[in-house]
């Protein structure tokens, strides 16, 4: 980070910009705000450049990539001229983008990517090597690679073309704010998330959750006729004492985030569980009320849940499967716990206003803010019951299995 004297003329800032901010003594630019990408327009270019002089390299990186997406060219140019590490990161991402565009699994030369650079999704992580490149055989053919720092720590990343990841980033921002509310309200719940950076309108960088397994692995585990998905998942959870606690805590966040964000296209390949037992959603291309064609069709005949889960997950958490009465009692207890988490979000509803009027109205509606607490609780319990062993779960799993068979 370069020294910045506010009395020295700033490159690439017009005299009009200087006049505009002449009386501005303090302008707080909080790059750690989950909604900073959407709040960027509250700050003038002059204020953003002022902030640059007070930020660490990692925070300057956060500032740069937000400005890059919104085409704040003056700010971007100033940052690049005054921070060589971010300049290298810009060059590295441009090279990664070019490699992805000309995707060729047989000829991926990652050695041409300049290092070291600050990883844009986690700018405190300095990449000294990029390796293990591969093209994922899916729409858009994204590039998957491993970023390595000086200590040998790694992060698995995906670079995508053809998608505007702004909505994904918005979902992640809401999840971050949810986690902060849970901490402040002393609620033992957690939404597991991953970092997403929209680089441009049709491309971006995703940082994967490492050591995560899609639920489909448990559906196909073992060829034993007596083996069920419940057996496989329960066995996985019981192998480690921490897994059951992690599953319960993150299950709360999993269910709530699906409902609040109105996630769609939920199936066993985009619901994941980590090695330490944390459950999470991935892929937020359908959120805020958007639905797939299948869901629009099936919605004519059944309710479509936003966080569908089967009894497999519930049994893995509680460790009971033979006593229906115990299962019913525990499910009721869990619903009460989920309500306390949900109500904490209702109390802090205004924290989500940076989403913008349209998205905030949708979220406001899903938080049932217009209802009394009693009515909201009843409606929320009905929503939870939709998620639990809904008919859609089986229909969606059947359809997805057919899709997989066709692709393979």
Foldseek 3Di string as FASTA:
>chain_A
DDADDPVDDAPLADPVLCVVCVVPDDDDQDLPQLLSLLVVVVDDLSNLQVVCNVDDPLSLLSSLQSCLAVVPPSNNVRSVVGPVQSVLVVQLVVVLVVCLVVPDQVDRDSVPRDDFHQDSQGRVATFPDKDDWGFDPDPQRWIWIWTAGPVGDIWIKIKGFAAQCPQVSLLVSVQVVLQVLCVVVVALAHADDWTWGRNYRGITMTTDDPQKDFLVCLCPPDPDPPRHSLNSLLVLQVVDPQQLVQQLRHVLSAQVSLLLFVAEPDARRQWIAHSRNHIHGDDRPATLPRYDPVCVVCVVPFDDARRADECSSVCSNPVDDPDPVVSVVVVVVSLVSSLVSLVSCLVVLVSSPSVDDSSSVSSNVSSVNVDDSVVSSVVSVVSVVCRYPHPVRVVSHVVVVVVVVVVD
